[in-house]
């Protein structure tokens, strides 16, 4: 294992899980620890328990459950510079290989009566009554509770009809006080198959096994709770770093450098430039589609909402840094799915860079998992929604052609066409990408309501002669 610092911070460890847990009313503040028990005297809203002690109260109640990766980070200077000319220091966080640090799984429990417990992990069956359409889509794995419309499962009947046991922890735990029960798990089923998906953490009463003297088996259900986020061993815990390059005048497209950090074998990596991330979870991106890779994911996004995905490429041949831990990919001349360079509407347009990682079994093959979704990770969080620069080609108009006779004067309120003469022709104002914004006749063009950026103003005199000028709203 590398010697990068392992996070101990409560907030960092559950950065993604907290967001989901908060939706279902769970408190999710705890530190990533070695397996064991950590007392905590707080209490909050709980799930109902089937198993009751003799006085009728629940022996154990669960207020949250979790399955998180151990994280590490790497810092290094990138090529971007700050206002003082210093190179910007980037930090990338990612999940450690499971052979170095297993998943940290467990639950926050309230113990009302001491009880011997056996814990296990369950996953959703391929189909069950009450599942939403998101069960076999990327939304289902990114928003675990959406599979059941936030109606958590609570009974043995639920388990029998809707869940499959994935792993049985072998030990018996005598729970006597409230706190956090942390267990280590290698991310595989009891039969050794890799797992990627949403989980339920289940507690059963440990009862004597009549067929094995001195041994215990799982008895009555005590409590159960869904994990706040899916088990995904290739998780990226911080957004990939992007450095866009609009290029000098004459450049027809924007290029990008994409910085990723990972330690486990990766088979393929794609980048998808998109207007937003919401269509990644659509019904058109099933596990089967996601297994095909970034191009098919982008196509699925556009089936849901045409134009949602703008461009896609497979990232190859990275420059390696930090002993190969950091991979620096270059996406030259970002070209859209329409075959043309991607040009934003204006200088204030934000696009999102979605990263798709396909895991490698160490022999160049994908890694099948229990759910049917190959191992890997899709980073599509909103933190990667950044300003997309206008290509350098837009600055060509800074030096108009020699036959451009019309003068454009910029004022506080707008632009005046041919201020020395009374211009009585027509004009049209478009975005730098050619999208029509306003049009009119006469010498004044208002810039009221226009965001800062570069625009194109085309003027036509009464004789039909057209000239196009670049104008800037500052």
Protein backbone atom coordinates (compact mmCIF):
# COMPACT_ATOMS: atom_id res chain seq x y z
CA UNK A 1 0.00 0.00 0.00
CA UNK A 2 1.23 3.50 -0.76
CA UNK A 3 2.07 5.84 2.06
CA UNK A 4 -0.46 8.52 1.12
CA UNK A 5 -2.32 9.94 4.08
CA UNK A 6 -5.51 8.02 4.92
CA UNK A 7 -8.37 10.31 5.84
CA UNK A 8 -9.66 10.10 9.37
CA UNK A 9 -12.07 13.01 8.99
CA UNK A 10 -15.72 12.32 9.68
CA UNK A 11 -16.88 14.76 7.03
CA UNK A 12 -14.64 13.50 4.24
CA UNK A 13 -15.28 9.80 4.71
CA UNK A 14 -19.03 10.13 4.20
CA UNK A 15 -19.03 13.01 1.74
CA UNK A 16 -21.34 11.25 -0.68
CA UNK A 17 -23.20 9.04 1.78
CA UNK A 18 -24.25 11.96 3.97
CA UNK A 19 -26.07 13.64 1.10
CA UNK A 20 -28.24 10.59 0.52
CA UNK A 21 -28.72 9.71 4.18
CA UNK A 22 -29.91 13.23 4.95
CA UNK A 23 -32.75 12.76 2.50
CA UNK A 24 -34.15 9.88 4.51
CA UNK A 25 -33.72 11.65 7.82
CA UNK A 26 -30.55 10.00 9.10
CA UNK A 27 -27.72 11.57 11.03
CA UNK A 28 -24.43 10.54 9.46
CA UNK A 29 -21.46 11.82 11.38
CA UNK A 30 -18.85 9.27 12.33
CA UNK A 31 -15.18 8.58 11.81
CA UNK A 32 -13.73 5.87 9.66
CA UNK A 33 -12.19 3.38 12.08
CA UNK A 34 -10.81 -0.05 12.56
CA UNK A 35 -13.48 -2.76 12.96
CA UNK A 36 -15.03 -2.75 16.41
CA UNK A 37 -17.63 -1.03 18.57
CA UNK A 38 -17.69 2.69 19.29
CA UNK A 39 -20.11 3.90 22.00
CA UNK A 40 -22.43 6.77 21.31
CA UNK A 41 -25.22 7.85 23.61
CA UNK A 42 -27.36 9.76 21.11
CA UNK A 43 -30.66 8.64 19.69
CA UNK A 44 -32.93 9.69 16.83
CA UNK A 45 -35.70 8.42 14.57
CA UNK A 46 -35.36 4.68 14.00
CA UNK A 47 -36.71 1.83 11.93
CA UNK A 48 -39.23 -0.58 13.43
CA UNK A 49 -37.91 -3.88 14.71
CA UNK A 50 -39.60 -7.27 14.62
CA UNK A 51 -37.68 -8.91 17.45
CA UNK A 52 -38.87 -7.84 20.89
CA UNK A 53 -37.40 -8.45 24.30
CA UNK A 54 -39.63 -9.83 27.05
CA UNK A 55 -40.82 -6.37 28.08
CA UNK A 56 -42.05 -5.60 24.55
CA UNK A 57 -39.41 -3.03 23.53
CA UNK A 58 -37.07 -3.43 20.57
CA UNK A 59 -33.81 -5.05 21.61
CA UNK A 60 -31.93 -3.00 19.00
CA UNK A 61 -32.97 -0.13 16.74
CA UNK A 62 -30.93 1.21 13.82
CA UNK A 63 -30.74 4.90 12.93
CA UNK A 64 -28.37 4.61 9.98
CA UNK A 65 -26.20 2.16 8.05
CA UNK A 66 -23.13 2.65 5.91
CA UNK A 67 -20.69 0.95 3.56
CA UNK A 68 -17.80 3.24 2.74
CA UNK A 69 -14.36 2.97 1.21
CA UNK A 70 -11.14 3.95 2.90
CA UNK A 71 -9.86 7.02 1.10
CA UNK A 72 -6.48 8.49 0.39
CA UNK A 73 -5.40 11.63 -1.42
CA UNK A 74 -2.57 13.01 -3.51
CA UNK A 75 -1.61 16.65 -3.98
CA UNK A 76 0.53 18.20 -6.70
CA UNK A 77 0.95 21.48 -8.62
CA UNK A 78 -1.02 21.70 -11.84
CA UNK A 79 -0.44 23.93 -14.85
CA UNK A 80 -3.08 26.49 -13.86
CA UNK A 81 -1.85 29.54 -11.96
CA UNK A 82 -3.53 31.87 -9.47
CA UNK A 83 -3.66 35.68 -9.61
CA UNK A 84 -0.14 35.89 -8.18
CA UNK A 85 1.32 33.56 -10.80
CA UNK A 86 1.70 30.59 -8.46
CA UNK A 87 0.82 27.12 -9.68
CA UNK A 88 -2.47 25.89 -8.27
CA UNK A 89 -2.18 22.91 -5.91
CA UNK A 90 -4.70 20.20 -6.76
CA UNK A 91 -5.92 17.49 -4.39
CA UNK A 92 -7.45 14.27 -5.66
CA UNK A 93 -9.09 11.72 -3.36
CA UNK A 94 -9.88 8.14 -4.30
CA UNK A 95 -10.69 4.75 -2.78
CA UNK A 96 -7.84 2.49 -1.72
CA UNK A 97 -7.67 -1.06 -3.11
CA UNK A 98 -9.74 -3.45 -1.02
CA UNK A 99 -6.80 -5.75 -0.42
CA UNK A 100 -5.17 -2.83 1.37
CA UNK A 101 -8.22 -1.53 3.24
CA UNK A 102 -11.57 -3.40 3.14
CA UNK A 103 -14.91 -1.61 3.11
CA UNK A 104 -16.00 -0.17 6.44
CA UNK A 105 -19.61 -1.35 6.89
CA UNK A 106 -21.91 -1.14 9.86
CA UNK A 107 -24.67 0.78 11.57
CA UNK A 108 -25.49 3.17 14.33
CA UNK A 109 -27.55 1.22 16.84
CA UNK A 110 -29.62 1.96 19.91
CA UNK A 111 -29.57 -0.94 22.38
CA UNK A 112 -32.67 -1.14 24.58
CA UNK A 113 -31.93 -4.64 25.88
CA UNK A 114 -28.66 -6.62 25.68
CA UNK A 115 -28.78 -9.20 22.92
CA UNK A 116 -26.46 -11.48 20.96
CA UNK A 117 -26.45 -10.43 17.30
CA UNK A 118 -25.31 -11.78 13.94
CA UNK A 119 -25.00 -9.26 11.12
CA UNK A 120 -25.40 -9.76 7.38
CA UNK A 121 -25.61 -7.83 4.10
CA UNK A 122 -28.44 -8.05 1.59
CA UNK A 123 -29.08 -6.68 -1.90
CA UNK A 124 -32.24 -6.16 -3.94
CA UNK A 125 -33.48 -9.09 -5.98
CA UNK A 126 -33.46 -8.63 -9.75
CA UNK A 127 -37.16 -7.88 -9.59
CA UNK A 128 -39.61 -7.53 -6.78
CA UNK A 129 -43.06 -6.15 -6.20
CA UNK A 130 -42.81 -2.45 -5.44
CA UNK A 131 -39.50 -1.71 -7.15
CA UNK A 132 -39.29 1.41 -9.29
CA UNK A 133 -37.95 1.56 -12.81
CA UNK A 134 -34.61 2.76 -11.42
CA UNK A 135 -33.66 -0.69 -10.09
CA UNK A 136 -31.45 -1.57 -13.06
CA UNK A 137 -30.40 1.94 -14.05
CA UNK A 138 -27.54 4.18 -12.97
CA UNK A 139 -30.01 6.24 -10.94
CA UNK A 140 -30.72 3.13 -8.90
CA UNK A 141 -27.09 2.80 -7.87
CA UNK A 142 -26.50 6.53 -7.35
CA UNK A 143 -29.68 7.08 -5.32
CA UNK A 144 -30.21 3.82 -3.47
CA UNK A 145 -33.47 4.71 -1.77
CA UNK A 146 -35.05 5.74 -5.08
CA UNK A 147 -35.43 2.04 -5.90
CA UNK A 148 -38.24 1.77 -3.34
CA UNK A 149 -39.42 5.39 -3.54
CA UNK A 150 -37.86 6.03 -0.12
CA UNK A 151 -40.13 3.43 1.50
CA UNK A 152 -37.58 1.48 3.51
CA UNK A 153 -37.98 -2.25 3.96
CA UNK A 154 -38.49 -3.31 7.57
CA UNK A 155 -39.81 -6.85 7.94
CA UNK A 156 -38.83 -10.47 7.37
CA UNK A 157 -41.54 -10.58 4.71
CA UNK A 158 -39.73 -7.74 2.93
CA UNK A 159 -36.46 -9.64 3.12
CA UNK A 160 -37.94 -12.88 1.83
CA UNK A 161 -39.70 -11.23 -1.10
CA UNK A 162 -37.37 -8.42 -2.10
CA UNK A 163 -33.80 -9.10 -0.96
CA UNK A 164 -31.06 -11.68 -1.41
CA UNK A 165 -28.41 -12.37 1.22
CA UNK A 166 -24.99 -11.35 -0.03
CA UNK A 167 -22.75 -11.94 2.94
CA UNK A 168 -23.07 -13.35 6.46
CA UNK A 169 -20.55 -12.03 8.98
CA UNK A 170 -19.39 -15.11 10.88
CA UNK A 171 -18.95 -13.67 14.35
CA UNK A 172 -21.49 -13.14 17.13
CA UNK A 173 -21.61 -9.74 18.82
CA UNK A 174 -23.12 -9.20 22.25
CA UNK A 175 -24.58 -5.70 22.03
CA UNK A 176 -25.01 -4.08 25.42
CA UNK A 177 -24.85 -0.34 24.70
CA UNK A 178 -25.72 2.14 21.97
CA UNK A 179 -23.12 3.25 19.46
CA UNK A 180 -21.55 2.29 16.13
CA UNK A 181 -20.91 -1.30 15.14
CA UNK A 182 -18.13 -1.24 12.51
CA UNK A 183 -17.21 -4.33 10.48
CA UNK A 184 -14.62 -4.94 7.75
CA UNK A 185 -15.79 -6.44 4.46
CA UNK A 186 -13.85 -7.30 1.29
CA UNK A 187 -16.67 -6.30 -1.07
CA UNK A 188 -17.47 -9.84 -2.18
CA UNK A 189 -20.29 -12.29 -1.63
CA UNK A 190 -19.80 -15.32 0.60
CA UNK A 191 -19.04 -17.24 -2.61
CA UNK A 192 -16.42 -14.71 -3.74
CA UNK A 193 -18.27 -12.67 -6.40
CA UNK A 194 -17.60 -8.94 -6.56
CA UNK A 195 -20.42 -6.63 -5.42
CA UNK A 196 -21.41 -3.22 -6.79
CA UNK A 197 -24.75 -1.90 -5.67
CA UNK A 198 -27.08 -0.77 -2.89
CA UNK A 199 -27.11 -2.76 0.34
CA UNK A 200 -29.17 -3.45 3.43
CA UNK A 201 -27.38 -3.99 6.75
CA UNK A 202 -29.38 -6.55 8.76
CA UNK A 203 -29.20 -7.64 12.40
CA UNK A 204 -30.58 -11.01 13.52
CA UNK A 205 -30.73 -12.55 16.97
CA UNK A 206 -27.91 -15.08 17.35
CA UNK A 207 -29.37 -18.41 18.48
CA UNK A 208 -27.72 -21.72 19.25
CA UNK A 209 -27.38 -24.01 16.23
CA UNK A 210 -28.74 -27.43 17.30
CA UNK A 211 -26.82 -29.11 14.50
CA UNK A 212 -23.48 -27.58 15.53
CA UNK A 213 -22.91 -27.58 19.29
CA UNK A 214 -21.24 -24.41 20.48
CA UNK A 215 -22.10 -22.59 17.24
CA UNK A 216 -24.71 -19.95 16.49
CA UNK A 217 -26.98 -19.20 13.56
CA UNK A 218 -29.12 -16.23 12.58
CA UNK A 219 -32.52 -16.26 14.28
CA UNK A 220 -35.31 -13.68 14.42
CA UNK A 221 -34.89 -10.38 12.61
CA UNK A 222 -34.00 -7.58 15.01
CA UNK A 223 -33.44 -4.55 12.75
CA UNK A 224 -32.40 -3.53 9.24
CA UNK A 225 -31.40 -0.34 7.46
CA UNK A 226 -30.27 0.61 3.92
CA UNK A 227 -26.75 1.87 3.40
CA UNK A 228 -26.67 5.52 2.42
CA UNK A 229 -24.73 4.93 -0.77
CA UNK A 230 -23.86 2.03 -3.02
CA UNK A 231 -20.82 -0.18 -2.60
CA UNK A 232 -18.43 0.87 -5.38
CA UNK A 233 -14.76 0.06 -4.96
CA UNK A 234 -13.62 2.42 -7.77
CA UNK A 235 -15.18 5.48 -6.12
CA UNK A 236 -13.62 8.87 -6.79
CA UNK A 237 -14.07 10.94 -3.65
CA UNK A 238 -13.19 14.35 -5.13
CA UNK A 239 -13.95 15.83 -8.51
CA UNK A 240 -11.43 15.28 -11.30
CA UNK A 241 -9.40 18.40 -11.97
CA UNK A 242 -10.04 20.11 -15.31
CA UNK A 243 -7.89 22.67 -17.07
CA UNK A 244 -9.49 24.07 -20.23
CA UNK A 245 -7.45 25.75 -22.94
CA UNK A 246 -9.36 28.02 -25.30
CA UNK A 247 -6.26 28.46 -27.45
CA UNK A 248 -5.00 31.52 -29.33
CA UNK A 249 -6.81 33.35 -32.11
CA UNK A 250 -7.52 30.96 -34.95
CA UNK A 251 -8.17 28.01 -32.68
CA UNK A 252 -11.32 26.22 -33.76
CA UNK A 253 -12.01 24.24 -30.58
CA UNK A 254 -11.31 24.08 -26.87
CA UNK A 255 -8.94 21.47 -25.44
CA UNK A 256 -8.83 20.09 -21.91
CA UNK A 257 -6.48 18.41 -19.50
CA UNK A 258 -8.17 15.99 -17.12
CA UNK A 259 -6.38 14.91 -13.95
CA UNK A 260 -7.43 11.62 -12.32
CA UNK A 261 -5.97 9.59 -9.47
CA UNK A 262 -6.56 5.88 -8.97
CA UNK A 263 -4.52 2.92 -7.83
CA UNK A 264 -6.51 -0.11 -8.93
CA UNK A 265 -6.28 -1.51 -12.49
CA UNK A 266 -8.48 0.41 -14.94
CA UNK A 267 -9.42 -0.95 -18.35
CA UNK A 268 -10.92 2.12 -20.02
CA UNK A 269 -11.78 5.73 -19.15
CA UNK A 270 -14.22 8.04 -20.96
CA UNK A 271 -15.04 11.73 -20.63
CA UNK A 272 -18.48 13.07 -21.52
CA UNK A 273 -19.01 16.82 -21.91
CA UNK A 274 -22.63 17.54 -21.02
CA UNK A 275 -25.02 20.37 -20.29
CA UNK A 276 -26.11 18.66 -17.05
CA UNK A 277 -25.93 15.34 -15.25
CA UNK A 278 -29.62 14.55 -14.69
CA UNK A 279 -30.00 12.33 -17.76
CA UNK A 280 -27.25 9.94 -16.63
CA UNK A 281 -29.83 8.32 -14.39
CA UNK A 282 -32.51 8.00 -17.08
CA UNK A 283 -34.32 4.82 -17.99
CA UNK A 284 -32.22 4.64 -21.16
CA UNK A 285 -29.00 4.01 -19.25
CA UNK A 286 -29.50 0.54 -17.88
CA UNK A 287 -26.72 -1.59 -16.48
CA UNK A 288 -26.35 -3.25 -19.88
CA UNK A 289 -25.92 0.14 -21.58
CA UNK A 290 -23.47 1.35 -18.93
CA UNK A 291 -21.37 -1.78 -19.43
CA UNK A 292 -20.83 -0.78 -23.08
CA UNK A 293 -19.01 2.39 -22.07
CA UNK A 294 -19.03 6.16 -22.37
CA UNK A 295 -20.27 6.47 -25.95
CA UNK A 296 -23.36 4.40 -25.22
CA UNK A 297 -23.98 6.30 -21.99
CA UNK A 298 -23.84 9.59 -23.93
CA UNK A 299 -26.27 8.17 -26.50
CA UNK A 300 -28.63 7.16 -23.69
CA UNK A 301 -28.47 10.65 -22.22
CA UNK A 302 -29.51 12.14 -25.55
CA UNK A 303 -32.38 9.66 -25.91
CA UNK A 304 -33.79 11.10 -22.72
CA UNK A 305 -33.04 14.72 -23.59
CA UNK A 306 -31.61 15.52 -27.03
CA UNK A 307 -28.48 17.65 -26.76
CA UNK A 308 -27.84 16.76 -23.12
CA UNK A 309 -24.50 15.10 -23.95
CA UNK A 310 -22.42 17.35 -26.20
CA UNK A 311 -19.25 15.32 -26.77
CA UNK A 312 -17.62 12.09 -25.68
CA UNK A 313 -14.17 10.57 -26.02
CA UNK A 314 -12.19 7.65 -24.67
CA UNK A 315 -9.21 9.00 -22.74
CA UNK A 316 -5.95 7.28 -23.63
CA UNK A 317 -2.19 7.56 -23.18
CA UNK A 318 -2.05 9.68 -20.02
CA UNK A 319 1.05 11.43 -18.77
CA UNK A 320 1.91 9.89 -15.40
CA UNK A 321 2.79 11.83 -12.26
CA UNK A 322 3.45 10.96 -8.63
CA UNK A 323 4.95 7.56 -9.44
CA UNK A 324 2.08 6.78 -11.77
CA UNK A 325 -0.67 7.51 -9.26
CA UNK A 326 -1.87 10.66 -11.06
CA UNK A 327 -2.94 10.28 -14.69
CA UNK A 328 -3.07 13.43 -16.83
CA UNK A 329 -5.23 12.96 -19.92
CA UNK A 330 -5.49 15.40 -22.81
CA UNK A 331 -8.66 15.90 -24.84
CA UNK A 332 -7.51 17.85 -27.88
CA UNK A 333 -9.99 19.92 -29.89
CA UNK A 334 -13.22 18.90 -28.15
CA UNK A 335 -15.54 17.98 -31.01
CA UNK A 336 -19.26 17.54 -30.51
CA UNK A 337 -21.38 14.54 -31.43
CA UNK A 338 -22.48 16.61 -34.45
CA UNK A 339 -18.90 16.62 -35.76
CA UNK A 340 -18.36 20.33 -35.06
CA UNK A 341 -16.22 21.98 -32.36
CA UNK A 342 -18.13 22.57 -29.13
CA UNK A 343 -18.77 26.30 -28.74
CA UNK A 344 -20.64 27.70 -25.70
CA UNK A 345 -23.54 30.09 -26.03
CA UNK A 346 -21.45 32.81 -24.39
CA UNK A 347 -18.51 33.32 -22.06
CA UNK A 348 -20.63 32.43 -19.01
CA UNK A 349 -21.83 29.01 -20.11
CA UNK A 350 -21.11 26.07 -17.79
CA UNK A 351 -20.78 22.49 -18.96
CA UNK A 352 -20.21 19.35 -16.94
CA UNK A 353 -17.40 16.84 -17.43
CA UNK A 354 -18.63 13.33 -16.59
CA UNK A 355 -15.99 10.65 -16.04
CA UNK A 356 -16.70 6.96 -16.68
CA UNK A 357 -14.23 4.41 -15.31
CA UNK A 358 -14.31 0.73 -16.28
CA UNK A 359 -12.51 -1.61 -13.88
CA UNK A 360 -9.96 -4.21 -14.96
CA UNK A 361 -9.55 -7.69 -13.48
CA UNK A 362 -5.77 -7.42 -13.91
CA UNK A 363 -5.87 -9.39 -17.17
CA UNK A 364 -7.47 -6.76 -19.39
CA UNK A 365 -11.06 -7.91 -18.82
CA UNK A 366 -14.09 -6.17 -17.26
CA UNK A 367 -15.11 -7.23 -13.76
CA UNK A 368 -18.65 -8.66 -13.62
CA UNK A 369 -20.52 -8.05 -10.37
CA UNK A 370 -23.51 -9.62 -8.68
CA UNK A 371 -25.95 -6.98 -9.98
CA UNK A 372 -24.89 -7.33 -13.62
CA UNK A 373 -23.25 -3.90 -13.65
CA UNK A 374 -19.54 -4.27 -14.31
CA UNK A 375 -17.20 -2.86 -11.70
CA UNK A 376 -16.17 0.75 -12.16
CA UNK A 377 -17.46 4.22 -11.36
CA UNK A 378 -19.31 7.14 -12.95
CA UNK A 379 -18.42 10.58 -11.61
CA UNK A 380 -21.26 12.92 -12.52
CA UNK A 381 -21.68 15.16 -9.49
CA UNK A 382 -22.42 18.87 -9.93
CA UNK A 383 -19.02 19.90 -8.57
CA UNK A 384 -17.72 19.34 -12.10
CA UNK A 385 -20.07 21.92 -13.67
CA UNK A 386 -17.55 24.55 -14.77
CA UNK A 387 -17.28 27.49 -17.14
CA UNK A 388 -16.48 26.37 -20.67
CA UNK A 389 -14.35 28.93 -22.54
CA UNK A 390 -15.10 30.39 -25.92
CA UNK A 391 -12.68 28.95 -28.52
CA UNK A 392 -9.95 31.24 -29.76
CA UNK A 393 -11.58 31.34 -33.19
CA UNK A 394 -14.07 33.86 -31.80
CA UNK A 395 -11.24 36.37 -31.37
CA UNK A 396 -10.62 36.36 -35.15
CA UNK A 397 -13.11 39.18 -35.47
CA UNK A 398 -10.93 41.47 -33.36
CA UNK A 399 -9.25 42.38 -36.67
CA UNK A 400 -12.13 42.97 -39.10
CA UNK A 401 -11.65 42.44 -42.79
CA UNK A 402 -10.49 45.45 -44.74
CA UNK A 403 -13.90 45.96 -46.32
CA UNK A 404 -15.59 46.36 -42.90
CA UNK A 405 -16.42 50.07 -43.08
CA UNK A 406 -18.97 50.32 -40.29
CA UNK A 407 -17.82 51.49 -36.86
CA UNK A 408 -19.38 49.98 -33.71
CA UNK A 409 -19.20 52.10 -30.58
CA UNK A 410 -19.71 50.55 -27.16
CA UNK A 411 -21.58 52.55 -24.52
CA UNK A 412 -22.78 51.79 -21.01
CA UNK A 413 -26.24 50.86 -22.30
CA UNK A 414 -25.42 49.12 -25.55
CA UNK A 415 -23.80 49.47 -28.95
CA UNK A 416 -24.16 52.30 -31.49
CA UNK A 417 -23.81 51.37 -35.14
CA UNK A 418 -22.00 53.98 -37.27
CA UNK A 419 -22.30 56.77 -34.64
CA UNK A 420 -21.19 59.55 -37.04
CA UNK A 421 -23.90 58.76 -39.54
CA UNK A 422 -27.51 57.90 -38.93
CA UNK A 423 -27.49 54.14 -39.61
CA UNK A 424 -30.89 53.03 -40.84
CA UNK A 425 -30.14 49.43 -41.78
CA UNK A 426 -30.93 46.16 -40.00
CA UNK A 427 -28.91 44.31 -37.38
CA UNK A 428 -28.90 40.94 -35.61
CA UNK A 429 -27.17 40.05 -32.35
CA UNK A 430 -26.17 36.41 -31.78
CA UNK A 431 -24.18 34.44 -29.25
CA UNK A 432 -20.62 33.58 -30.13
CA UNK A 433 -21.97 30.20 -31.29
CA UNK A 434 -24.37 31.89 -33.74
CA UNK A 435 -27.58 31.57 -31.67
CA UNK A 436 -29.92 34.47 -32.49
CA UNK A 437 -30.68 36.64 -29.46
CA UNK A 438 -32.23 39.88 -30.76
CA UNK A 439 -32.69 41.72 -34.05
CA UNK A 440 -33.88 45.12 -35.09
CA UNK A 441 -33.47 48.20 -37.25
CA UNK A 442 -31.66 51.43 -36.55
CA UNK A 443 -28.41 52.47 -34.96
CA UNK A 444 -28.85 51.39 -31.32
CA UNK A 445 -28.48 47.85 -29.95
CA UNK A 446 -29.32 47.44 -26.24
CA UNK A 447 -27.24 45.13 -24.07
CA UNK A 448 -29.73 45.16 -21.21
CA UNK A 449 -30.09 41.73 -19.66
CA UNK A 450 -27.12 40.24 -21.51
CA UNK A 451 -24.60 38.38 -19.33
CA UNK A 452 -20.91 39.17 -19.65
CA UNK A 453 -19.37 37.54 -22.68
CA UNK A 454 -18.56 37.71 -26.39
CA UNK A 455 -21.32 38.29 -28.96
CA UNK A 456 -21.54 38.70 -32.72
CA UNK A 457 -23.31 41.71 -34.22
CA UNK A 458 -24.21 41.47 -37.91
CA UNK A 459 -25.25 44.74 -39.59
CA UNK A 460 -26.85 45.11 -43.02
CA UNK A 461 -27.04 48.46 -44.79
CA UNK A 462 -29.94 49.37 -47.09
CA UNK A 463 -27.90 48.13 -50.04
CA UNK A 464 -27.77 44.65 -48.51
CA UNK A 465 -24.06 44.68 -47.63
CA UNK A 466 -23.43 42.68 -44.43
CA UNK A 467 -20.64 42.99 -41.89
CA UNK A 468 -20.08 40.93 -38.74
CA UNK A 469 -18.41 42.44 -35.71
CA UNK A 470 -17.38 41.03 -32.37
CA UNK A 471 -18.82 42.95 -29.42
CA UNK A 472 -18.14 42.37 -25.75
CA UNK A 473 -20.33 42.83 -22.70
CA UNK A 474 -18.08 43.41 -19.68
